[in-house]
Amino acid sequence: LHIGGATARALARRLPGAVSAPVYGAMTLDSSDDSLGEIIQRIQAHVLTRRIRLQEFFRDSDRLRCGRCTEAFFARGLTNAGLKLTEAEVDQLIEHYTDHSARAMPPATVNYSRLCVDVDEVFHDDDKQEMLRTTQMSPSPSSTVMSTFIPNSVVDEEQLISVLHRVATLCRVRGITVKATYNEVDRSMNPSLSMQNPRRSGKVSKDVFIKKWPFRKEMTPEEIDLICERFTTKTGDFHYMALHNEVAENMPDAEQPFPTSPLFLRPDDTVWSHTEVHAVDRIKAKVAEKRVRVKEFFQDFDPLRKGFCSPSQAKTVLTLTNLAKEIDKAAFEQLLHTYMRDDGYFSYKEFCRDVDSAFTTPGLEKLPLITTEMPDEQTTSPARRSTMRLSPKQESKISRIEDRLRTFIVQRRAEMKPMFQDFDRTHRGYVSRTQFARIMISMGFDLDEKAIGLLCASYCDNGNHNDFNWKRFLRAVDPPAADVEAAMLEMTSPFVPFKPRPYFDSRGKVLKKVMSAPML
């Protein structure tokens, strides 16, 4: 009667008088057992390359989560993990990790949790990981694939290293990879009697290796035989993937140059008008444009209504009201310096009084006869426009160019507004500098690059050199006639119905017939 190793051990534990195996209390590996350590090392290399946890393959057989399972489930878990172990190696692991304590109830006596702890130590030990990568794992480019082939040792190691360096140099200079040279043979779908290895196994016959070797003219037959001796398997085949990996180690991986486009800003000496405007005036113009009530935002930080807050709270209010983008850091420091008290607090009461003066009049209830005016375009101009500061010489040149354009428009009766409207699809009143130059060329104006640059310097009023204000430009070079302007004013003004003159004056006297006649 033939009894397997696992069954024989189970019967031996149940037979009376049987000698039990030694108890492994700590379940640690015995350093003297080289074969067991080699098995554990192979398992560690397997789980490290695939980034898996052995514990996941044993949980289904451990419903109570006690960390133990039967011998059959233990062997099945190792097989499900993808480990290729012999029956003797599995029996050796079962014998070592069998728990003989009183709490281990048969048949679940194999402590798989201790095996998982011993195997998972590789994830916390960098030295062991490096050792596995150099001995049992293939290097780049397939660094996550375990290689069961170990290159053979040769007599002349120095000559072998020299040959591998020559192969690496030739591959780098000529742009040849060993793997791509033999992929056609290894992955071919055509049936052939000469293919005795599985597809994609990384192995070819020795004759195919010599036939496909790309450096036969550069190397002697002895050197090729030395390479064959190094990478020949036990079955007589040539492992070209192992050669590819060793060549990849010796071949330097130089960084490939890639095109760059660093940003180099040209020095701009242009002086803009918004830099000369005080920060309070800019905020005042923006508040008048958007009708923002700033005081309520400050009062959220001042429950006692004392009229001051901290500088950080003032910056928060400007951010919430979308006014912080109108001023830079220097302008904000200037604003703090203007309204900062001696104790370091920001007096928002005075700040709101100055800002609200653009559309309110303090003490209006005490002045019933005063006439207030609504904010116009001049009030909001500091927030909307930022023009360049030009010298008198530049202004005179711009004036002469505008006179030439006016004369050309009057003589040719050119209509420029439709051209600008075609480019201004969003009706912002701005076109780019390139579009303005195209319009000038299309209209037949003889303007060189300097003239276009001067006109852009005058009418680019958005704080940059690209946005050209074509509406303001047309008002300067093609102003409407007086009757046309009056008609446009009547069309845009509110409707005033007909009203006859009264028959009595302010004192109650009857007016004469001529004076009281209706206007015809």
Protein backbone atom coordinates (compact mmCIF):
# COMPACT_ATOMS: atom_id res chain seq x y z
CA LEU A 1 0.00 0.00 0.00
CA HIS A 2 1.42 3.33 -1.08
CA ILE A 3 0.70 6.29 1.21
CA GLY A 4 1.56 9.91 0.31
CA GLY A 5 3.77 12.05 2.48
CA ALA A 6 0.96 14.27 3.79
CA THR A 7 -1.30 11.31 4.58
CA ALA A 8 1.52 9.38 6.26
CA ARG A 9 2.29 12.31 8.57
CA ALA A 10 -1.39 12.68 9.44
CA LEU A 11 -1.60 8.97 10.34
CA ALA A 12 1.61 9.17 12.33
CA ARG A 13 0.14 11.90 14.50
CA ARG A 14 -2.93 9.78 15.16
CA LEU A 15 -1.14 6.46 15.85
CA PRO A 16 -0.46 5.77 19.49
CA GLY A 17 3.15 5.86 20.43
CA ALA A 18 4.14 7.74 17.31
CA VAL A 19 6.96 10.16 17.66
CA SER A 20 5.73 13.65 16.98
CA ALA A 21 7.71 16.19 15.03
CA PRO A 22 9.38 18.98 16.95
CA VAL A 23 7.26 21.98 17.81
CA TYR A 24 8.19 25.26 16.16
CA GLY A 25 6.99 27.76 18.66
CA ALA A 26 8.11 30.95 16.91
CA MET A 27 7.67 29.46 13.43
CA THR A 28 10.90 31.02 12.22
CA LEU A 29 13.12 29.67 9.49
CA ASP A 30 16.04 27.54 10.52
CA SER A 31 19.18 29.02 9.07
CA SER A 32 20.79 25.56 8.82
CA ASP A 33 18.09 24.23 6.54
CA ASP A 34 19.44 25.48 3.20
CA SER A 35 16.82 23.75 1.07
CA LEU A 36 13.94 25.30 3.02
CA GLY A 37 15.57 28.72 2.84
CA GLU A 38 15.96 28.33 -0.92
CA ILE A 39 12.26 27.51 -1.28
CA ILE A 40 11.26 30.56 0.78
CA GLN A 41 13.62 32.72 -1.28
CA ARG A 42 12.00 31.51 -4.51
CA ILE A 43 8.56 32.29 -3.10
CA GLN A 44 9.74 35.77 -2.09
CA ALA A 45 11.09 36.41 -5.59
CA HIS A 46 7.77 35.26 -7.03
CA VAL A 47 5.60 37.55 -4.88
CA LEU A 48 8.00 40.50 -5.18
CA THR A 49 7.98 40.52 -8.97
CA ARG A 50 4.19 40.19 -9.16
CA ARG A 51 3.38 42.39 -6.11
CA ILE A 52 0.97 39.83 -4.65
CA ARG A 53 0.14 38.72 -1.10
CA LEU A 54 0.00 35.01 -0.29
CA GLN A 55 -2.59 35.58 2.38
CA GLU A 56 -5.26 36.29 -0.25
CA PHE A 57 -4.95 32.74 -1.62
CA PHE A 58 -5.57 31.05 1.77
CA ARG A 59 -8.46 33.09 3.14
CA ASP A 60 -11.17 31.16 1.31
CA SER A 61 -10.07 27.94 3.07
CA ASP A 62 -9.95 29.65 6.49
CA ARG A 63 -13.54 30.55 7.36
CA LEU A 64 -12.73 31.15 11.04
CA ARG A 65 -9.76 33.40 10.24
CA CYS A 66 -7.56 31.47 12.67
CA GLY A 67 -4.53 31.50 10.36
CA ARG A 68 -4.54 27.72 9.81
CA CYS A 69 -5.81 25.45 7.07
CA THR A 70 -5.60 21.80 6.01
CA GLU A 71 -2.66 20.34 4.14
CA ALA A 72 -4.69 19.94 0.94
CA PHE A 73 -5.85 23.59 1.04
CA PHE A 74 -2.30 24.70 1.81
CA ALA A 75 -0.96 22.97 -1.31
CA ARG A 76 -3.88 24.32 -3.35
CA GLY A 77 -3.20 27.90 -2.17
CA LEU A 78 0.42 27.67 -3.26
CA THR A 79 -0.70 26.40 -6.67
CA ASN A 80 -3.27 29.20 -7.05
CA ALA A 81 -0.56 31.75 -6.30
CA GLY A 82 1.30 30.56 -9.39
CA LEU A 83 4.15 28.84 -7.56
CA LYS A 84 5.69 25.85 -9.35
CA LEU A 85 6.85 23.67 -6.46
CA THR A 86 7.44 19.96 -6.45
CA GLU A 87 5.57 17.61 -4.14
CA ALA A 88 8.65 17.15 -1.98
CA GLU A 89 9.04 20.91 -1.57
CA VAL A 90 5.38 21.32 -0.61
CA ASP A 91 5.72 18.51 1.93
CA GLN A 92 8.80 20.21 3.35
CA LEU A 93 6.86 23.47 3.80
CA ILE A 94 3.92 21.61 5.38
CA GLU A 95 6.20 19.84 7.82
CA HIS A 96 7.88 23.07 8.85
CA TYR A 97 4.70 25.17 9.26
CA THR A 98 2.55 22.51 10.96
CA ASP A 99 1.27 23.78 14.31
CA HIS A 100 1.44 21.09 17.04
CA SER A 101 0.02 23.22 19.81
CA ALA A 102 -3.20 22.36 21.63
CA ARG A 103 -5.20 25.08 19.92
CA ALA A 104 -4.58 23.60 16.46
CA MET A 105 -7.59 21.38 15.82
CA PRO A 106 -7.13 18.69 13.12
CA PRO A 107 -7.30 18.67 10.18
CA ALA A 108 -6.56 22.46 9.97
CA THR A 109 -3.06 22.28 11.42
CA VAL A 110 -0.88 24.06 8.84
CA ASN A 111 -0.19 27.61 9.98
CA TYR A 112 -0.19 29.49 6.67
CA SER A 113 -0.14 32.89 8.40
CA ARG A 114 3.46 32.28 9.57
CA LEU A 115 4.45 31.48 5.99
CA CYS A 116 2.87 34.74 4.84
CA VAL A 117 4.74 36.68 7.54
CA ASP A 118 8.07 35.10 6.54
CA VAL A 119 7.46 35.74 2.83
CA ASP A 120 6.21 39.33 3.30
CA GLU A 121 9.46 40.28 5.00
CA VAL A 122 10.86 40.88 1.52
CA PHE A 123 8.61 43.94 1.11
CA HIS A 124 10.25 45.61 4.13
CA ASP A 125 13.89 44.67 3.50
CA ASP A 126 15.58 46.73 0.78
CA ASP A 127 18.77 44.67 0.91
CA LYS A 128 16.89 41.44 0.29
CA GLN A 129 14.99 43.02 -2.60
CA GLU A 130 18.24 44.13 -4.21
CA MET A 131 19.71 40.67 -3.73
CA LEU A 132 16.70 39.03 -5.39
CA ARG A 133 16.84 41.45 -8.30
CA THR A 134 20.47 40.66 -8.98
CA THR A 135 20.22 36.88 -8.60
CA GLN A 136 16.73 35.64 -9.46
CA MET A 137 15.04 38.48 -11.31
CA SER A 138 15.83 39.63 -14.84
CA PRO A 139 16.99 43.24 -15.23
CA SER A 140 15.58 45.97 -17.47
CA PRO A 141 13.65 46.21 -19.72
CA SER A 142 11.57 43.32 -18.30
CA SER A 143 12.51 43.92 -14.67
CA THR A 144 9.19 42.60 -13.30
CA VAL A 145 9.48 39.13 -14.87
CA MET A 146 11.16 36.32 -12.94
CA SER A 147 13.78 34.44 -14.89
CA THR A 148 14.31 30.78 -14.06
CA PHE A 149 17.42 30.63 -16.23
CA ILE A 150 20.76 31.28 -14.55
CA PRO A 151 23.67 32.00 -16.95
CA ASN A 152 26.45 29.45 -16.97
CA SER A 153 29.88 30.25 -15.63
CA VAL A 154 32.79 30.27 -18.05
CA VAL A 155 36.52 29.81 -17.55
CA ASP A 156 37.65 33.17 -18.93
CA GLU A 157 35.39 35.71 -17.24
CA GLU A 158 37.50 38.72 -18.32
CA GLN A 159 37.18 37.81 -21.99
CA LEU A 160 33.43 37.32 -21.57
CA ILE A 161 33.04 40.77 -20.02
CA SER A 162 35.06 42.27 -22.87
CA VAL A 163 32.88 40.53 -25.46
CA LEU A 164 29.65 41.69 -23.78
CA HIS A 165 30.97 45.27 -23.71
CA ARG A 166 31.73 45.04 -27.43
CA VAL A 167 28.23 43.72 -28.11
CA ALA A 168 26.71 46.57 -26.06
CA THR A 169 28.78 49.15 -27.95
CA LEU A 170 27.78 47.71 -31.33
CA CYS A 171 24.11 47.65 -30.32
CA ARG A 172 24.27 51.27 -29.18
CA VAL A 173 26.10 52.54 -32.27
CA ARG A 174 24.03 50.67 -34.83
CA GLY A 175 20.70 50.89 -33.03
CA ILE A 176 20.23 47.12 -32.79
CA THR A 177 18.49 45.26 -29.97
CA VAL A 178 19.08 41.55 -29.39
CA LYS A 179 15.47 40.90 -28.43
CA ALA A 180 14.05 42.40 -31.63
CA THR A 181 16.45 40.32 -33.73
CA TYR A 182 15.04 36.99 -32.50
CA ASN A 183 11.41 37.99 -31.85
CA GLU A 184 10.42 36.99 -35.38
CA VAL A 185 11.60 33.42 -34.78
CA ASP A 186 10.33 33.17 -31.21
CA ARG A 187 6.88 34.60 -31.93
CA SER A 188 6.26 33.16 -35.37
CA MET A 189 2.84 31.55 -35.81
CA ASN A 190 3.99 29.35 -38.69
CA PRO A 191 4.27 25.66 -37.67
CA SER A 192 7.78 24.34 -38.02
CA LEU A 193 9.55 21.19 -36.86
CA SER A 194 12.59 23.24 -35.91
CA MET A 195 10.61 25.15 -33.23
CA GLN A 196 11.00 22.95 -30.19
CA ASN A 197 10.45 25.73 -27.61
CA PRO A 198 7.18 27.42 -26.62
CA ARG A 199 6.41 30.75 -28.23
CA ARG A 200 7.55 33.85 -26.36
CA SER A 201 9.81 31.75 -24.14
CA GLY A 202 12.92 33.83 -24.92
CA LYS A 203 14.81 30.83 -26.27
CA VAL A 204 15.90 29.70 -29.74
CA SER A 205 18.12 26.89 -30.98
CA LYS A 206 21.85 27.42 -31.15
CA ASP A 207 21.90 27.19 -34.95
CA VAL A 208 19.20 29.87 -35.24
CA PHE A 209 21.14 32.11 -32.87
CA ILE A 210 24.32 31.88 -34.96
CA LYS A 211 22.37 32.31 -38.21
CA LYS A 212 20.56 35.46 -36.99
CA TRP A 213 23.51 36.94 -35.09
CA PRO A 214 24.00 40.48 -36.53
CA PHE A 215 27.70 40.83 -35.61
CA ARG A 216 29.24 37.77 -37.24
CA LYS A 217 31.67 39.87 -39.28
CA GLU A 218 32.83 41.88 -36.25
CA MET A 219 33.39 38.88 -33.95
CA THR A 220 35.43 35.72 -34.24
CA PRO A 221 33.87 32.23 -34.02
CA GLU A 222 35.60 31.71 -30.67
CA GLU A 223 33.87 34.76 -29.21
CA ILE A 224 30.50 33.63 -30.53
CA ASP A 225 31.10 30.20 -29.00
CA LEU A 226 31.94 31.89 -25.69
CA ILE A 227 28.56 33.68 -25.76
CA CYS A 228 26.83 30.41 -26.61
CA GLU A 229 28.56 28.68 -23.70
CA ARG A 230 27.43 31.41 -21.34
CA PHE A 231 23.72 31.42 -22.29
CA THR A 232 23.05 27.80 -23.29
CA THR A 233 20.25 26.11 -21.35
CA LYS A 234 20.20 22.54 -20.03
CA THR A 235 18.22 21.42 -23.10
CA GLY A 236 20.83 22.83 -25.49
CA ASP A 237 18.88 25.94 -26.52
CA PHE A 238 20.16 29.51 -26.46
CA HIS A 239 18.48 31.94 -24.03
CA TYR A 240 18.61 35.20 -26.02
CA MET A 241 16.54 37.15 -23.44
CA ALA A 242 19.24 36.60 -20.82
CA LEU A 243 21.81 37.92 -23.30
CA HIS A 244 19.57 40.91 -24.02
CA ASN A 245 19.26 41.70 -20.32
CA GLU A 246 23.02 41.55 -19.71
CA VAL A 247 23.69 43.72 -22.78
CA ALA A 248 21.08 46.20 -21.55
CA GLU A 249 22.95 46.42 -18.22
CA ASN A 250 26.25 47.20 -19.95
CA MET A 251 24.75 49.63 -22.44
CA PRO A 252 24.44 53.14 -20.96
CA ASP A 253 20.99 54.60 -21.15
CA ALA A 254 21.76 58.18 -22.12
CA GLU A 255 19.03 60.73 -21.68
CA GLN A 256 17.42 61.54 -24.98
CA PRO A 257 17.51 65.25 -25.81
CA PHE A 258 14.11 66.79 -26.27
CA PRO A 259 13.23 70.20 -27.72
CA THR A 260 12.68 72.99 -25.26
CA SER A 261 11.29 76.46 -25.63
CA PRO A 262 12.35 78.57 -22.67
CA LEU A 263 10.49 81.79 -22.14
CA PHE A 264 12.66 84.88 -22.49
CA LEU A 265 10.67 88.06 -22.01
CA ARG A 266 11.88 91.15 -23.79
CA PRO A 267 12.72 94.08 -21.58
CA ASP A 268 9.78 96.47 -21.65
CA ASP A 269 10.52 100.08 -20.73
CA THR A 270 6.97 101.24 -21.44
CA VAL A 271 5.36 103.38 -18.76
CA TRP A 272 1.64 102.74 -18.39
CA SER A 273 -0.86 105.18 -16.98
CA HIS A 274 -2.23 102.83 -14.32
CA THR A 275 1.17 102.81 -12.58
CA GLU A 276 0.80 106.53 -11.93
CA VAL A 277 -2.74 106.25 -10.57
CA HIS A 278 -3.14 105.77 -6.83
CA ALA A 279 -4.52 102.45 -5.67
CA VAL A 280 -7.52 104.15 -4.05
CA ASP A 281 -8.44 105.84 -7.35
CA ARG A 282 -8.27 102.56 -9.21
CA ILE A 283 -10.46 100.80 -6.64
CA LYS A 284 -12.84 103.74 -6.64
CA ALA A 285 -13.23 103.55 -10.42
CA LYS A 286 -13.83 99.78 -10.29
CA VAL A 287 -16.39 100.13 -7.49
CA ALA A 288 -18.24 102.81 -9.48
CA GLU A 289 -18.18 100.62 -12.59
CA LYS A 290 -19.52 97.45 -10.91
CA ARG A 291 -21.66 99.15 -8.24
CA VAL A 292 -20.09 97.19 -5.39
CA ARG A 293 -20.99 97.98 -1.78
CA VAL A 294 -17.71 97.35 0.01
CA LYS A 295 -18.83 98.43 3.48
CA GLU A 296 -21.06 95.38 4.08
CA PHE A 297 -18.14 93.03 3.45
CA PHE A 298 -15.99 94.84 6.01
CA GLN A 299 -18.79 94.79 8.59
CA ASP A 300 -18.81 91.00 8.54
CA PHE A 301 -15.38 91.18 10.22
CA ASP A 302 -16.42 93.99 12.58
CA PRO A 303 -19.39 92.84 14.71
CA LEU A 304 -18.99 95.80 17.09
CA ARG A 305 -18.98 98.30 14.18
CA LYS A 306 -15.84 100.06 15.38
CA GLY A 307 -14.73 100.91 11.86
CA PHE A 308 -11.45 99.01 11.64
CA CYS A 309 -10.18 95.47 10.96
CA SER A 310 -6.89 93.63 10.50
CA PRO A 311 -4.82 93.93 7.27
CA SER A 312 -5.42 90.26 6.43
CA GLN A 313 -9.18 90.79 6.73
CA ALA A 314 -8.90 93.81 4.42
CA LYS A 315 -7.12 91.66 1.86
CA THR A 316 -9.85 89.03 2.20
CA VAL A 317 -12.54 91.64 1.51
CA LEU A 318 -10.73 92.82 -1.63
CA THR A 319 -10.51 89.22 -2.79
CA LEU A 320 -14.20 88.51 -2.15
CA THR A 321 -15.25 91.65 -4.04
CA ASN A 322 -12.94 90.73 -6.95
CA LEU A 323 -10.94 93.93 -6.47
CA ALA A 324 -7.62 92.33 -5.50
CA LYS A 325 -6.71 91.68 -9.15
CA GLU A 326 -6.84 95.42 -9.87
CA ILE A 327 -3.86 96.13 -7.61
CA ASP A 328 -0.52 94.42 -7.13
CA LYS A 329 1.43 93.80 -3.94
CA ALA A 330 3.10 97.21 -3.98
CA ALA A 331 -0.25 98.95 -4.47
CA PHE A 332 -1.74 96.98 -1.58
CA GLU A 333 1.14 98.05 0.67
CA GLN A 334 0.47 101.62 -0.42
CA LEU A 335 -3.18 101.19 0.47
CA LEU A 336 -2.31 99.85 3.92
CA HIS A 337 0.10 102.70 4.51
CA THR A 338 -2.65 105.20 3.68
CA TYR A 339 -5.34 103.83 6.01
CA MET A 340 -3.29 102.08 8.68
CA ARG A 341 -3.75 103.23 12.25
CA ASP A 342 -1.04 103.45 14.86
CA ASP A 343 -2.13 100.20 16.50
CA GLY A 344 -1.72 98.27 13.21
CA TYR A 345 -5.39 98.04 12.25
CA PHE A 346 -6.91 99.02 8.90
CA SER A 347 -9.48 101.83 9.08
CA TYR A 348 -12.04 100.58 6.60
CA LYS A 349 -14.49 103.34 7.55
CA GLU A 350 -12.29 106.02 5.99
CA PHE A 351 -11.49 103.74 3.06
CA CYS A 352 -15.19 103.16 2.30
CA ARG A 353 -15.90 106.89 2.59
CA ASP A 354 -13.26 107.69 -0.03
CA VAL A 355 -14.29 104.85 -2.33
CA ASP A 356 -18.04 105.59 -2.15
CA SER A 357 -17.46 109.27 -2.98
CA ALA A 358 -17.49 108.32 -6.68
CA PHE A 359 -21.30 107.89 -6.69
CA THR A 360 -22.48 109.29 -3.33
CA THR A 361 -22.37 112.73 -1.74
CA PRO A 362 -21.84 112.86 2.05
CA GLY A 363 -24.40 115.00 3.92
CA LEU A 364 -26.82 115.11 0.99
CA GLU A 365 -29.81 115.35 3.37
CA LYS A 366 -28.52 118.71 4.60
CA LEU A 367 -28.17 120.15 1.08
CA PRO A 368 -31.57 119.85 -0.63
CA LEU A 369 -30.72 122.17 -3.53
CA ILE A 370 -27.51 120.46 -4.57
CA THR A 371 -27.46 118.58 -7.88
CA THR A 372 -25.68 115.25 -8.02
CA GLU A 373 -24.29 113.72 -11.18
CA MET A 374 -24.10 110.07 -12.15
CA PRO A 375 -20.68 108.52 -12.78
CA ASP A 376 -19.65 108.81 -16.42
CA GLU A 377 -16.92 107.21 -18.51
CA GLN A 378 -14.32 109.58 -17.09
CA THR A 379 -15.04 108.31 -13.58
CA THR A 380 -14.51 104.67 -14.50
CA SER A 381 -11.65 105.32 -16.94
CA PRO A 382 -8.81 104.54 -14.45
CA ALA A 383 -10.22 101.03 -14.03
CA ARG A 384 -10.89 100.35 -17.71
CA ARG A 385 -8.06 102.11 -19.54
CA SER A 386 -4.31 101.99 -19.17
CA THR A 387 -2.54 103.88 -21.93
CA MET A 388 1.14 104.31 -22.69
CA ARG A 389 2.98 107.47 -21.78
CA LEU A 390 4.21 108.98 -25.07
CA SER A 391 6.78 111.68 -25.68
CA PRO A 392 5.86 114.90 -27.55
CA LYS A 393 7.84 113.69 -30.57
CA GLN A 394 5.83 110.48 -30.74
CA GLU A 395 2.57 112.36 -30.36
CA SER A 396 3.45 114.66 -33.26
CA LYS A 397 4.23 111.65 -35.50
CA ILE A 398 0.95 110.01 -34.54
CA SER A 399 -0.90 113.23 -35.35
CA ARG A 400 0.64 113.38 -38.85
CA ILE A 401 -0.28 109.74 -39.50
CA GLU A 402 -3.87 110.41 -38.42
CA ASP A 403 -4.07 113.42 -40.76
CA ARG A 404 -2.97 111.21 -43.67
CA LEU A 405 -5.60 108.66 -42.76
CA ARG A 406 -8.36 111.29 -42.53
CA THR A 407 -7.45 112.64 -45.95
CA PHE A 408 -7.43 109.15 -47.46
CA ILE A 409 -10.84 108.32 -45.94
CA VAL A 410 -12.42 111.56 -47.16
CA GLN A 411 -11.03 111.22 -50.69
CA ARG A 412 -11.83 107.52 -51.13
CA ARG A 413 -14.97 107.59 -48.96
CA ALA A 414 -13.72 104.41 -47.30
CA GLU A 415 -15.96 102.65 -44.80
CA MET A 416 -13.72 101.18 -42.10
CA LYS A 417 -16.21 100.17 -39.43
CA PRO A 418 -17.49 96.97 -41.15
CA MET A 419 -13.91 95.74 -41.50
CA PHE A 420 -13.27 96.10 -37.78
CA GLN A 421 -16.62 94.51 -36.91
CA ASP A 422 -15.73 91.41 -38.95
CA PHE A 423 -12.67 90.82 -36.77
CA ASP A 424 -14.38 91.79 -33.49
CA ARG A 425 -16.83 88.89 -33.22
CA THR A 426 -17.36 89.30 -29.46
CA HIS A 427 -18.08 93.06 -29.76
CA ARG A 428 -15.45 94.01 -27.19
CA GLY A 429 -14.26 97.02 -29.15
CA TYR A 430 -10.78 95.54 -29.48
CA VAL A 431 -8.83 93.78 -32.21
CA SER A 432 -5.31 92.43 -32.10
CA ARG A 433 -2.31 94.26 -33.48
CA THR A 434 -1.96 91.75 -36.32
CA GLN A 435 -5.62 92.13 -37.27
CA PHE A 436 -5.26 95.93 -37.31
CA ALA A 437 -2.30 95.63 -39.69
CA ARG A 438 -4.32 93.31 -41.97
CA ILE A 439 -7.21 95.80 -42.04
CA MET A 440 -4.86 98.62 -42.98
CA ILE A 441 -3.40 96.55 -45.83
CA SER A 442 -6.87 95.50 -47.02
CA MET A 443 -8.07 99.12 -47.08
CA GLY A 444 -5.06 100.16 -49.17
CA PHE A 445 -3.31 102.31 -46.54
CA ASP A 446 0.40 102.62 -47.09
CA LEU A 447 1.62 102.16 -43.51
CA ASP A 448 4.95 100.65 -42.58
CA GLU A 449 5.75 98.76 -39.38
CA LYS A 450 6.89 101.88 -37.53
CA ALA A 451 3.63 103.70 -38.29
CA ILE A 452 1.58 100.72 -37.11
CA GLY A 453 3.69 100.55 -33.94
CA LEU A 454 3.04 104.25 -33.22
CA LEU A 455 -0.71 103.87 -33.73
CA CYS A 456 -0.76 100.79 -31.47
CA ALA A 457 1.18 102.74 -28.83
CA SER A 458 -1.58 105.36 -28.90
CA TYR A 459 -4.67 103.15 -29.06
CA CYS A 460 -3.60 100.04 -27.13
CA ASP A 461 -5.23 101.18 -23.87
CA ASN A 462 -5.89 97.84 -22.17
CA GLY A 463 -2.54 97.60 -20.37
CA ASN A 464 -0.77 95.55 -23.08
CA HIS A 465 0.73 95.92 -26.54
CA ASN A 466 -1.79 93.74 -28.38
CA ASP A 467 -5.37 94.94 -27.75
CA PHE A 468 -6.15 97.77 -30.19
CA ASN A 469 -9.17 99.99 -29.37
CA TRP A 470 -10.66 100.38 -32.84
CA LYS A 471 -13.71 102.39 -31.69
CA ARG A 472 -11.56 105.15 -30.25
CA PHE A 473 -9.40 104.99 -33.39
CA LEU A 474 -12.43 105.50 -35.65
CA ARG A 475 -13.64 108.45 -33.57
CA ALA A 476 -10.26 110.10 -34.23
CA VAL A 477 -9.73 109.37 -37.96
CA ASP A 478 -13.35 109.02 -39.19
CA PRO A 479 -15.59 111.16 -36.95
CA PRO A 480 -19.29 111.34 -37.90
CA ALA A 481 -20.75 114.53 -39.38
CA ALA A 482 -22.55 117.04 -37.17
CA ASP A 483 -26.04 116.21 -38.48
CA VAL A 484 -25.34 112.48 -38.21
CA GLU A 485 -24.15 112.90 -34.64
CA ALA A 486 -27.26 114.95 -33.77
CA ALA A 487 -29.49 112.30 -35.29
CA MET A 488 -27.69 109.58 -33.37
CA LEU A 489 -28.13 111.60 -30.17
CA GLU A 490 -31.86 111.96 -30.81
CA MET A 491 -32.16 108.24 -31.48
CA THR A 492 -30.42 107.29 -28.28
CA SER A 493 -32.06 109.95 -26.05
CA PRO A 494 -35.29 109.18 -24.13
CA PHE A 495 -38.64 110.00 -25.76
CA VAL A 496 -40.13 113.44 -24.90
CA PRO A 497 -43.83 113.79 -25.82
CA PHE A 498 -45.36 117.02 -27.16
CA LYS A 499 -46.32 119.48 -24.43
CA PRO A 500 -47.98 122.87 -25.20
CA ARG A 501 -46.98 126.00 -23.42
CA PRO A 502 -48.98 126.90 -20.32
CA TYR A 503 -51.51 129.77 -20.31
CA PHE A 504 -50.38 131.08 -16.95
CA ASP A 505 -46.96 132.07 -15.76
CA SER A 506 -45.40 131.17 -12.40
CA ARG A 507 -47.17 134.12 -10.71
CA GLY A 508 -50.65 133.23 -11.98
CA LYS A 509 -50.99 135.97 -14.63
CA VAL A 510 -52.51 135.17 -18.01
CA LEU A 511 -49.98 135.11 -20.81
CA LYS A 512 -50.53 136.86 -24.10
CA LYS A 513 -51.94 134.92 -27.00
CA VAL A 514 -48.67 134.88 -28.93
CA MET A 515 -46.72 133.64 -25.95
CA SER A 516 -49.23 130.97 -25.07
CA ALA A 517 -49.68 129.66 -28.60
CA PRO A 518 -48.56 126.09 -29.01
CA MET A 519 -45.26 125.38 -30.63
CA LEU A 520 -45.60 124.27 -34.21
